[in-house]
Amino acid sequence: MSKQHTIVDCACGARYERRQVQLPIKDIGCFDCDDCGARLEIWWGRAVPAFKRIAREKNAARRA
């Protein structure tokens, strides 16, 4: 299994790094945005996603 990471953007502007993880047993689950609660992914199987929040840049977070 490759260690490829992808970026997932929510409509609210939150960004997540997504990678694939192989489990020994099947799993059913979903991932919702931490900010707005939007459903970003649903899965079933042994290959499941793992999400990590990407911090916003300081310039993008602060506006005058």
C-alpha atoms as a PDB file:
ATOM      1  CA  MET A   1       0.000   0.000   0.000  1.00  0.00           C
ATOM      2  CA  SER A   2       1.382   3.397  -0.965  1.00  0.00           C
ATOM      3  CA  LYS A   3       1.852   6.193   1.539  1.00  0.00           C
ATOM      4  CA  GLN A   4       0.180   8.713  -0.763  1.00  0.00           C
ATOM      5  CA  HIS A   5      -1.540  11.636   0.908  1.00  0.00           C
ATOM      6  CA  THR A   6      -4.263  13.752  -0.676  1.00  0.00           C
ATOM      7  CA  ILE A   7      -5.869  17.019   0.383  1.00  0.00           C
ATOM      8  CA  VAL A   8      -9.614  17.141   1.005  1.00  0.00           C
ATOM      9  CA  ASP A   9     -11.321  20.548   1.080  1.00  0.00           C
ATOM     10  CA  CYS A  10     -14.668  21.079   2.785  1.00  0.00           C
ATOM     11  CA  ALA A  11     -17.124  23.662   1.408  1.00  0.00           C
ATOM     12  CA  CYS A  12     -16.660  25.690   4.634  1.00  0.00           C
ATOM     13  CA  GLY A  13     -12.923  26.140   3.933  1.00  0.00           C
ATOM     14  CA  ALA A  14     -11.509  23.527   6.306  1.00  0.00           C
ATOM     15  CA  ARG A  15      -8.710  21.392   4.821  1.00  0.00           C
ATOM     16  CA  TYR A  16      -7.693  17.856   5.734  1.00  0.00           C
ATOM     17  CA  GLU A  17      -4.809  15.601   4.781  1.00  0.00           C
ATOM     18  CA  ARG A  18      -6.177  12.163   3.852  1.00  0.00           C
ATOM     19  CA  ARG A  19      -4.212   8.928   3.752  1.00  0.00           C
ATOM     20  CA  GLN A  20      -5.252   5.312   3.306  1.00  0.00           C
ATOM     21  CA  VAL A  21      -4.805   2.833   6.188  1.00  0.00           C
ATOM     22  CA  GLN A  22      -5.098  -0.967   5.899  1.00  0.00           C
ATOM     23  CA  LEU A  23      -6.912  -2.640   8.819  1.00  0.00           C
ATOM     24  CA  PRO A  24      -6.838  -6.347   9.763  1.00  0.00           C
ATOM     25  CA  ILE A  25     -10.672  -6.439   9.844  1.00  0.00           C
ATOM     26  CA  LYS A  26     -13.439  -4.638   7.959  1.00  0.00           C
ATOM     27  CA  ASP A  27     -14.639  -1.313   9.333  1.00  0.00           C
ATOM     28  CA  ILE A  28     -17.712   0.806   8.653  1.00  0.00           C
ATOM     29  CA  GLY A  29     -17.475   4.504   9.331  1.00  0.00           C
ATOM     30  CA  CYS A  30     -17.718   8.068   8.194  1.00  0.00           C
ATOM     31  CA  PHE A  31     -15.837  11.338   8.602  1.00  0.00           C
ATOM     32  CA  ASP A  32     -17.511  14.699   9.234  1.00  0.00           C
ATOM     33  CA  CYS A  33     -15.905  18.147   9.073  1.00  0.00           C
ATOM     34  CA  ASP A  34     -14.845  19.407  12.505  1.00  0.00           C
ATOM     35  CA  ASP A  35     -16.000  22.964  11.688  1.00  0.00           C
ATOM     36  CA  CYS A  36     -19.386  22.614   9.985  1.00  0.00           C
ATOM     37  CA  GLY A  37     -20.310  18.942  10.419  1.00  0.00           C
ATOM     38  CA  ALA A  38     -20.592  18.224   6.681  1.00  0.00           C
ATOM     39  CA  ARG A  39     -20.134  14.561   5.772  1.00  0.00           C
ATOM     40  CA  LEU A  40     -16.898  14.261   3.771  1.00  0.00           C
ATOM     41  CA  GLU A  41     -16.587  10.487   3.364  1.00  0.00           C
ATOM     42  CA  ILE A  42     -18.244   7.155   4.174  1.00  0.00           C
ATOM     43  CA  TRP A  43     -16.377   3.833   4.025  1.00  0.00           C
ATOM     44  CA  TRP A  44     -16.783   0.098   4.420  1.00  0.00           C
ATOM     45  CA  GLY A  45     -13.918  -2.379   4.186  1.00  0.00           C
ATOM     46  CA  ARG A  46     -10.345  -2.981   5.278  1.00  0.00           C
ATOM     47  CA  ALA A  47      -8.809  -0.017   3.443  1.00  0.00           C
ATOM     48  CA  VAL A  48     -10.057   3.033   5.334  1.00  0.00           C
ATOM     49  CA  PRO A  49      -9.144   6.724   5.281  1.00  0.00           C
ATOM     50  CA  ALA A  50      -7.372   8.590   8.071  1.00  0.00           C
ATOM     51  CA  PHE A  51      -7.842  12.360   8.235  1.00  0.00           C
ATOM     52  CA  LYS A  52      -5.641  15.040   9.807  1.00  0.00           C
ATOM     53  CA  ARG A  53      -6.644  18.717   9.993  1.00  0.00           C
ATOM     54  CA  ILE A  54      -4.338  21.113   8.166  1.00  0.00           C
ATOM     55  CA  ALA A  55      -3.770  24.390   9.995  1.00  0.00           C
ATOM     56  CA  ARG A  56      -4.688  27.543   8.105  1.00  0.00           C
ATOM     57  CA  GLU A  57      -1.912  29.924   7.181  1.00  0.00           C
ATOM     58  CA  LYS A  58      -1.656  32.964   9.458  1.00  0.00           C
ATOM     59  CA  ASN A  59      -2.126  35.391   6.549  1.00  0.00           C
ATOM     60  CA  ALA A  60      -5.313  33.630   5.407  1.00  0.00           C
ATOM     61  CA  ALA A  61      -6.727  33.440   8.940  1.00  0.00           C
ATOM     62  CA  ARG A  62      -6.194  37.144   9.734  1.00  0.00           C
ATOM     63  CA  ARG A  63      -7.776  39.812   7.601  1.00  0.00           C
ATOM     64  CA  ALA A  64      -7.660  43.539   8.247  1.00  0.00           C
END
